C-alpha atoms as a PDB file:
ATOM      1  CA  MET A   1     -29.198 -11.868   6.273  1.00  0.00           C
ATOM      2  CA  THR A   2     -31.792  -9.550   7.822  1.00  0.00           C
ATOM      3  CA  GLY A   3     -31.219  -5.783   8.456  1.00  0.00           C
ATOM      4  CA  ARG A   4     -30.597  -6.350  12.146  1.00  0.00           C
ATOM      5  CA  ALA A   5     -28.074  -9.208  11.552  1.00  0.00           C
ATOM      6  CA  LEU A   6     -26.342  -7.004   8.936  1.00  0.00           C
ATOM      7  CA  ALA A   7     -26.139  -4.149  11.451  1.00  0.00           C
ATOM      8  CA  TRP A   8     -24.645  -6.421  14.125  1.00  0.00           C
ATOM      9  CA  THR A   9     -22.145  -7.768  11.513  1.00  0.00           C
ATOM     10  CA  GLY A  10     -21.153  -4.195  10.532  1.00  0.00           C
ATOM     11  CA  ALA A  11     -20.656  -3.511  14.369  1.00  0.00           C
ATOM     12  CA  ARG A  12     -18.576  -6.537  14.902  1.00  0.00           C
ATOM     13  CA  LEU A  13     -16.410  -5.701  11.811  1.00  0.00           C
ATOM     14  CA  PHE A  14     -15.705  -2.246  13.175  1.00  0.00           C
ATOM     15  CA  VAL A  15     -14.759  -3.632  16.468  1.00  0.00           C
ATOM     16  CA  ALA A  16     -12.596  -6.181  14.921  1.00  0.00           C
ATOM     17  CA  TRP A  17     -10.991  -3.647  12.716  1.00  0.00           C
ATOM     18  CA  VAL A  18      -9.920  -1.593  15.782  1.00  0.00           C
ATOM     19  CA  VAL A  19      -8.697  -4.517  17.751  1.00  0.00           C
ATOM     20  CA  VAL A  20      -6.787  -6.275  14.888  1.00  0.00           C
ATOM     21  CA  SER A  21      -5.270  -2.986  13.764  1.00  0.00           C
ATOM     22  CA  LEU A  22      -3.925  -2.318  17.435  1.00  0.00           C
ATOM     23  CA  VAL A  23      -2.574  -5.778  17.512  1.00  0.00           C
ATOM     24  CA  ALA A  24      -0.856  -5.388  14.151  1.00  0.00           C
ATOM     25  CA  LEU A  25       0.458  -1.982  15.220  1.00  0.00           C
ATOM     26  CA  HIS A  26       2.226  -3.247  18.180  1.00  0.00           C
ATOM     27  CA  GLY A  27       2.897  -6.842  16.916  1.00  0.00           C
ATOM     28  CA  GLY A  28       3.456  -6.617  13.387  1.00  0.00           C
ATOM     29  CA  ALA A  29       7.129  -6.172  13.619  1.00  0.00           C
ATOM     30  CA  GLU A  30       7.778  -9.144  15.813  1.00  0.00           C
ATOM     31  CA  LEU A  31       5.702 -11.223  13.320  1.00  0.00           C
ATOM     32  CA  ILE A  32       8.016 -10.059  10.406  1.00  0.00           C
ATOM     33  CA  ARG A  33      11.015 -10.760  12.520  1.00  0.00           C
ATOM     34  CA  ALA A  34       9.765 -14.314  13.322  1.00  0.00           C
ATOM     35  CA  ILE A  35       9.454 -15.172   9.506  1.00  0.00           C
ATOM     36  CA  GLU A  36      12.478 -13.073   8.210  1.00  0.00           C
ATOM     37  CA  PRO A  37      14.257 -16.273   6.964  1.00  0.00           C
ATOM     38  CA  TRP A  38      11.209 -17.534   5.240  1.00  0.00           C
ATOM     39  CA  LEU A  39      10.726 -14.043   3.378  1.00  0.00           C
ATOM     40  CA  ALA A  40      14.338 -14.147   2.376  1.00  0.00           C
ATOM     41  CA  PHE A  41      13.984 -17.577   1.090  1.00  0.00           C
ATOM     42  CA  VAL A  42      10.894 -16.593  -1.040  1.00  0.00           C
ATOM     43  CA  VAL A  43      12.931 -13.779  -2.616  1.00  0.00           C
ATOM     44  CA  GLU A  44      15.800 -16.008  -3.365  1.00  0.00           C
ATOM     45  CA  LEU A  45      13.338 -18.244  -5.259  1.00  0.00           C
ATOM     46  CA  ALA A  46      12.025 -15.269  -7.148  1.00  0.00           C
ATOM     47  CA  LEU A  47      15.312 -13.764  -7.950  1.00  0.00           C
ATOM     48  CA  ASN A  48      18.049 -16.061  -9.219  1.00  0.00           C
ATOM     49  CA  GLY A  49      21.628 -15.384  -8.305  1.00  0.00           C
ATOM     50  CA  TYR A  50      21.113 -13.473  -5.129  1.00  0.00           C
ATOM     51  CA  ASP A  51      21.708 -13.895  -1.372  1.00  0.00           C
ATOM     52  CA  ALA A  52      18.855 -12.090   0.238  1.00  0.00           C
ATOM     53  CA  ARG A  53      18.654 -10.714   3.605  1.00  0.00           C
ATOM     54  CA  ILE A  54      15.374  -9.236   5.269  1.00  0.00           C
ATOM     55  CA  GLY A  55      15.395  -6.761   8.113  1.00  0.00           C
ATOM     56  CA  LEU A  56      13.404  -4.092   9.857  1.00  0.00           C
ATOM     57  CA  ILE A  57      14.728  -0.518   9.870  1.00  0.00           C
ATOM     58  CA  GLN A  58      13.157   2.508  11.698  1.00  0.00           C
ATOM     59  CA  GLU A  59      12.696   5.569   9.677  1.00  0.00           C
ATOM     60  CA  GLU A  60      11.215   8.600  11.607  1.00  0.00           C
ATOM     61  CA  GLN A  61       7.702   7.386  12.778  1.00  0.00           C
ATOM     62  CA  ASP A  62       7.550   4.510  10.506  1.00  0.00           C
ATOM     63  CA  ILE A  63       9.271   0.929  10.202  1.00  0.00           C
ATOM     64  CA  GLN A  64      10.328  -0.223   6.964  1.00  0.00           C
ATOM     65  CA  ILE A  65      10.879  -3.940   5.854  1.00  0.00           C
ATOM     66  CA  GLN A  66      14.151  -3.742   3.948  1.00  0.00           C
ATOM     67  CA  LEU A  67      15.497  -6.259   1.379  1.00  0.00           C
ATOM     68  CA  LEU A  68      19.322  -6.484   1.084  1.00  0.00           C
ATOM     69  CA  ALA A  69      20.046  -8.488  -1.998  1.00  0.00           C
ATOM     70  CA  ARG A  70      23.820  -9.378  -2.810  1.00  0.00           C
ATOM     71  CA  ALA A  71      24.642 -10.850  -6.117  1.00  0.00           C
ATOM     72  CA  ILE A  72      26.362 -14.159  -5.778  1.00  0.00           C
ATOM     73  CA  GLU A  73      27.036 -14.552  -9.610  1.00  0.00           C
ATOM     74  CA  PRO A  74      26.982 -12.083 -12.559  1.00  0.00           C
ATOM     75  CA  ILE A  75      23.580 -10.770 -13.215  1.00  0.00           C
ATOM     76  CA  HIS A  76      22.676  -9.852 -16.763  1.00  0.00           C
ATOM     77  CA  ILE A  77      20.304  -6.923 -17.299  1.00  0.00           C
ATOM     78  CA  SER A  78      20.595  -5.669 -20.929  1.00  0.00           C
ATOM     79  CA  GLY A  79      22.954  -5.978 -23.740  1.00  0.00           C
ATOM     80  CA  PRO A  80      26.608  -5.837 -22.365  1.00  0.00           C
ATOM     81  CA  PHE A  81      25.482  -4.473 -18.967  1.00  0.00           C
ATOM     82  CA  GLY A  82      25.099  -6.428 -15.884  1.00  0.00           C
ATOM     83  CA  LEU A  83      25.986  -6.569 -12.148  1.00  0.00           C
ATOM     84  CA  PRO A  84      29.136  -8.244 -10.940  1.00  0.00           C
ATOM     85  CA  PRO A  85      29.178 -10.641  -8.067  1.00  0.00           C
ATOM     86  CA  GLY A  86      29.156  -8.763  -4.738  1.00  0.00           C
ATOM     87  CA  ALA A  87      26.739  -5.956  -6.141  1.00  0.00           C
ATOM     88  CA  GLU A  88      24.157  -4.994  -3.494  1.00  0.00           C
ATOM     89  CA  ILE A  89      20.621  -3.594  -4.015  1.00  0.00           C
ATOM     90  CA  ARG A  90      18.311  -2.392  -1.238  1.00  0.00           C
ATOM     91  CA  THR A  91      14.653  -2.090  -1.572  1.00  0.00           C
ATOM     92  CA  SER A  92      12.046  -1.560   1.150  1.00  0.00           C
ATOM     93  CA  THR A  93       8.305  -1.355   1.847  1.00  0.00           C
ATOM     94  CA  HIS A  94       6.344   0.000   4.923  1.00  0.00           C
ATOM     95  CA  LEU A  95       5.472  -2.348   7.550  1.00  0.00           C
ATOM     96  CA  SER A  96       2.025  -0.927   7.905  1.00  0.00           C
ATOM     97  CA  HIS A  97       1.505  -1.630   4.302  1.00  0.00           C
ATOM     98  CA  ALA A  98       2.626  -5.208   4.570  1.00  0.00           C
ATOM     99  CA  MET A  99       0.114  -5.787   7.408  1.00  0.00           C
ATOM    100  CA  ILE A 100      -2.847  -4.668   5.380  1.00  0.00           C
ATOM    101  CA  PRO A 101      -3.786  -8.206   3.992  1.00  0.00           C
ATOM    102  CA  VAL A 102      -3.660  -9.760   7.494  1.00  0.00           C
ATOM    103  CA  VAL A 103      -5.587  -7.122   9.035  1.00  0.00           C
ATOM    104  CA  LEU A 104      -8.371  -7.239   6.485  1.00  0.00           C
ATOM    105  CA  LEU A 105      -8.406 -11.034   6.441  1.00  0.00           C
ATOM    106  CA  LEU A 106      -8.809 -11.371  10.337  1.00  0.00           C
ATOM    107  CA  CYS A 107     -11.485  -8.518  10.504  1.00  0.00           C
ATOM    108  CA  PHE A 108     -13.687 -10.233   8.044  1.00  0.00           C
ATOM    109  CA  LEU A 109     -13.236 -13.597   9.708  1.00  0.00           C
ATOM    110  CA  LEU A 110     -13.808 -12.336  13.240  1.00  0.00           C
ATOM    111  CA  ALA A 111     -16.976 -10.113  12.279  1.00  0.00           C
ATOM    112  CA  TRP A 112     -18.883 -13.083  10.554  1.00  0.00           C
ATOM    113  CA  PRO A 113     -20.707 -15.365  12.958  1.00  0.00           C
ATOM    114  CA  ALA A 114     -19.786 -18.768  13.581  1.00  0.00           C
ATOM    115  CA  ALA A 115     -21.921 -21.772  14.885  1.00  0.00           C
ATOM    116  CA  GLY A 116     -20.130 -22.693  18.046  1.00  0.00           C
ATOM    117  CA  LEU A 117     -16.672 -23.143  19.377  1.00  0.00           C
ATOM    118  CA  ARG A 118     -15.734 -25.908  16.964  1.00  0.00           C
ATOM    119  CA  SER A 119     -16.540 -23.608  13.807  1.00  0.00           C
ATOM    120  CA  TRP A 120     -14.272 -20.860  15.549  1.00  0.00           C
ATOM    121  CA  LEU A 121     -11.374 -23.284  16.023  1.00  0.00           C
ATOM    122  CA  ILE A 122     -11.579 -24.459  12.463  1.00  0.00           C
ATOM    123  CA  ARG A 123     -11.860 -20.847  11.128  1.00  0.00           C
ATOM    124  CA  GLY A 124      -8.922 -19.673  13.326  1.00  0.00           C
ATOM    125  CA  THR A 125      -6.739 -22.537  12.202  1.00  0.00           C
ATOM    126  CA  VAL A 126      -7.761 -21.815   8.444  1.00  0.00           C
ATOM    127  CA  ALA A 127      -7.215 -18.040   9.025  1.00  0.00           C
ATOM    128  CA  ALA A 128      -3.678 -18.522  10.377  1.00  0.00           C
ATOM    129  CA  LEU A 129      -2.731 -20.589   7.241  1.00  0.00           C
ATOM    130  CA  MET A 130      -4.335 -17.965   4.970  1.00  0.00           C
ATOM    131  CA  ALA A 131      -2.486 -15.121   6.601  1.00  0.00           C
ATOM    132  CA  PHE A 132       0.762 -16.893   6.197  1.00  0.00           C
ATOM    133  CA  VAL A 133      -0.021 -17.457   2.532  1.00  0.00           C
ATOM    134  CA  LEU A 134      -1.085 -13.817   2.052  1.00  0.00           C
ATOM    135  CA  ILE A 135       2.204 -12.515   3.516  1.00  0.00           C
ATOM    136  CA  THR A 136       4.273 -14.817   1.398  1.00  0.00           C
ATOM    137  CA  ALA A 137       2.419 -13.811  -1.808  1.00  0.00           C
ATOM    138  CA  THR A 138       2.775 -10.085  -1.057  1.00  0.00           C
ATOM    139  CA  THR A 139       5.812  -8.784   0.953  1.00  0.00           C
ATOM    140  CA  PRO A 140       8.738 -10.804  -0.399  1.00  0.00           C
ATOM    141  CA  LEU A 141       7.418 -10.581  -4.032  1.00  0.00           C
ATOM    142  CA  LEU A 142       6.807  -7.034  -3.695  1.00  0.00           C
ATOM    143  CA  LEU A 143      10.343  -6.334  -2.519  1.00  0.00           C
ATOM    144  CA  ALA A 144      11.675  -8.673  -5.292  1.00  0.00           C
ATOM    145  CA  GLY A 145       9.516  -6.754  -7.798  1.00  0.00           C
ATOM    146  CA  LYS A 146      10.956  -3.447  -6.756  1.00  0.00           C
ATOM    147  CA  LEU A 147      14.323  -4.746  -7.140  1.00  0.00           C
ATOM    148  CA  GLU A 148      13.551  -5.736 -10.866  1.00  0.00           C
ATOM    149  CA  MET A 149      12.200  -2.368 -11.324  1.00  0.00           C
ATOM    150  CA  PHE A 150      15.486  -0.967 -10.469  1.00  0.00           C
ATOM    151  CA  TYR A 151      16.922  -2.801 -13.534  1.00  0.00           C
ATOM    152  CA  VAL A 152      14.799  -0.677 -15.699  1.00  0.00           C
ATOM    153  CA  GLU A 153      16.226   2.438 -14.104  1.00  0.00           C
ATOM    154  CA  LEU A 154      19.859   1.158 -14.345  1.00  0.00           C
ATOM    155  CA  ALA A 155      19.434   0.160 -18.090  1.00  0.00           C
ATOM    156  CA  SER A 156      17.827   3.581 -18.835  1.00  0.00           C
ATOM    157  CA  GLN A 157      20.764   5.489 -17.356  1.00  0.00           C
ATOM    158  CA  ARG A 158      22.998   3.636 -19.881  1.00  0.00           C
ATOM    159  CA  GLY A 159      20.648   4.164 -22.896  1.00  0.00           C
ATOM    160  CA  LEU A 160      19.622   0.577 -22.850  1.00  0.00           C
ATOM    161  CA  SER A 161      16.246  -1.087 -22.511  1.00  0.00           C
ATOM    162  CA  TYR A 162      15.089  -3.920 -19.964  1.00  0.00           C
ATOM    163  CA  THR A 163      11.707  -5.688 -20.301  1.00  0.00           C
ATOM    164  CA  PRO A 164      10.257  -6.329 -16.905  1.00  0.00           C
ATOM    165  CA  GLY A 165       8.923  -9.732 -16.154  1.00  0.00           C
ATOM    166  CA  LEU A 166       5.817 -11.139 -14.088  1.00  0.00           C
ATOM    167  CA  LEU A 167       7.435  -9.825 -10.817  1.00  0.00           C
ATOM    168  CA  VAL A 168       6.895  -6.210 -11.762  1.00  0.00           C
ATOM    169  CA  ASP A 169       3.416  -6.945 -13.055  1.00  0.00           C
ATOM    170  CA  TRP A 170       2.624  -8.483  -9.531  1.00  0.00           C
ATOM    171  CA  THR A 171       4.213  -5.523  -7.725  1.00  0.00           C
ATOM    172  CA  LEU A 172       2.058  -2.960  -9.677  1.00  0.00           C
ATOM    173  CA  PHE A 173      -0.990  -5.068  -9.019  1.00  0.00           C
ATOM    174  CA  MET A 174      -0.120  -4.960  -5.259  1.00  0.00           C
ATOM    175  CA  GLU A 175       0.421  -1.175  -5.422  1.00  0.00           C
ATOM    176  CA  MET A 176      -2.831  -0.529  -7.241  1.00  0.00           C
ATOM    177  CA  GLY A 177      -5.175  -2.471  -4.763  1.00  0.00           C
ATOM    178  CA  GLY A 178      -3.993  -5.995  -4.783  1.00  0.00           C
ATOM    179  CA  ARG A 179      -3.123  -5.869  -1.205  1.00  0.00           C
ATOM    180  CA  TRP A 180      -6.898  -5.103  -0.384  1.00  0.00           C
ATOM    181  CA  LEU A 181      -8.294  -7.489  -2.953  1.00  0.00           C
ATOM    182  CA  LEU A 182      -6.450 -10.723  -2.106  1.00  0.00           C
ATOM    183  CA  PRO A 183      -7.615 -10.684   1.706  1.00  0.00           C
ATOM    184  CA  ILE A 184     -11.188 -10.198   0.633  1.00  0.00           C
ATOM    185  CA  LEU A 185     -11.156 -13.081  -1.739  1.00  0.00           C
ATOM    186  CA  ALA A 186      -9.300 -15.162   0.910  1.00  0.00           C
ATOM    187  CA  ALA A 187     -11.967 -14.436   3.411  1.00  0.00           C
ATOM    188  CA  GLY A 188     -14.715 -15.181   1.051  1.00  0.00           C
ATOM    189  CA  ILE A 189     -13.079 -18.690   0.425  1.00  0.00           C
ATOM    190  CA  VAL A 190     -13.041 -19.285   4.203  1.00  0.00           C
ATOM    191  CA  LEU A 191     -16.605 -18.022   4.823  1.00  0.00           C
ATOM    192  CA  ILE A 192     -18.336 -19.787   1.927  1.00  0.00           C
ATOM    193  CA  PRO A 193     -19.262 -22.955   4.148  1.00  0.00           C
ATOM    194  CA  SER A 194     -20.733 -20.565   6.675  1.00  0.00           C
ATOM    195  CA  ILE A 195     -23.018 -18.750   4.493  1.00  0.00           C
ATOM    196  CA  PRO A 196     -26.664 -19.765   5.167  1.00  0.00           C
ATOM    197  CA  LYS A 197     -28.370 -21.516   2.055  1.00  0.00           C
ATOM    198  CA  LYS A 198     -31.760 -20.296   0.962  1.00  0.00           C
ATOM    199  CA  PRO A 199     -34.741 -22.720   0.738  1.00  0.00           C
ATOM    200  CA  SER A 200     -35.075 -24.292  -2.709  1.00  0.00           C
ATOM    201  CA  ARG A 201     -38.177 -25.188  -4.632  1.00  0.00           C
ATOM    202  CA  LEU A 202     -38.633 -28.764  -5.792  1.00  0.00           C
ATOM    203  CA  THR A 203     -40.943 -30.093  -8.366  1.00  0.00           C
ATOM    204  CA  VAL A 204     -42.532 -33.476  -7.623  1.00  0.00           C
ATOM    205  CA  ASP A 205     -44.360 -35.751 -10.216  1.00  0.00           C
ATOM    206  CA  THR A 206     -47.602 -37.080  -8.751  1.00  0.00           C
ATOM    207  CA  ALA A 207     -50.467 -39.102 -10.050  1.00  0.00           C
ATOM    208  CA  ASP A 208     -52.485 -35.812 -10.573  1.00  0.00           C
ATOM    209  CA  GLY A 209     -49.773 -33.711 -12.061  1.00  0.00           C
ATOM    210  CA  ILE A 210     -46.797 -31.682 -11.012  1.00  0.00           C
ATOM    211  CA  GLN A 211     -46.875 -30.379  -7.428  1.00  0.00           C
ATOM    212  CA  THR A 212     -44.355 -27.820  -6.264  1.00  0.00           C
ATOM    213  CA  ALA A 213     -42.668 -28.338  -2.810  1.00  0.00           C
ATOM    214  CA  HIS A 214     -40.636 -26.270  -0.643  1.00  0.00           C
ATOM    215  CA  GLU A 215     -37.492 -27.785   0.890  1.00  0.00           C
ATOM    216  CA  THR A 216     -36.209 -26.137   4.112  1.00  0.00           C
ATOM    217  CA  VAL A 217     -32.719 -26.897   5.474  1.00  0.00           C
ATOM    218  CA  HIS A 218     -32.676 -26.888   9.326  1.00  0.00           C
ATOM    219  CA  HIS A 219     -29.297 -28.379   9.780  1.00  0.00           C
ATOM    220  CA  PRO A 220     -26.276 -29.413   7.570  1.00  0.00           C
ATOM    221  CA  GLY A 221     -27.441 -32.870   6.312  1.00  0.00           C
ATOM    222  CA  THR A 222     -31.052 -32.639   7.670  1.00  0.00           C
ATOM    223  CA  LYS A 223     -33.862 -31.769   5.244  1.00  0.00           C
ATOM    224  CA  THR A 224     -37.543 -31.527   5.824  1.00  0.00           C
ATOM    225  CA  MET A 225     -40.092 -31.559   2.994  1.00  0.00           C
ATOM    226  CA  ARG A 226     -43.442 -29.761   3.400  1.00  0.00           C
END
């Protein structure tokens, strides 16, 4: 990519960031409301023995995504200690934080050039699927991980110990930058077919010796030898 093309891509990335951020700011809550049952289902898969409810609550100038988990069976934590059926635990995360993966993914995909309408349609379809996967892999698992971290506090208050599982590791990964890394990797996977290929050098055996040839790719599937 030339310097001029790189500059244009940077400009498009900035414009995409502004536009997508504004859309997420005003439409992020509606997106979460639309998939609340799915997010609660993912939490129930991650945490056995709970009935999960996901909702949005307003706190000052911010919106929180709140998990209300109600135990439907005895939950063993450590030693003789556990939670009885009916016990409730609430955890939450910022809506703005939950939208970071989607915003970053869409910014990269909108900023990178595409070869025509068909490419944009394919990229848009894949982007929607990737955004859904990113939300599924971040928000509900983060809420479930925070609930499991609460087990550590409860056990400590009673002089007991609780060994966290993979959910807590995943939560810490998210909090330490995973929210930013995952959409970058997802965008890279989507954009790999769009990255121009450099001309390659071929060696061709001839009667007089070995001749080096350049192979220039004009279009996918069309190669010219010179």
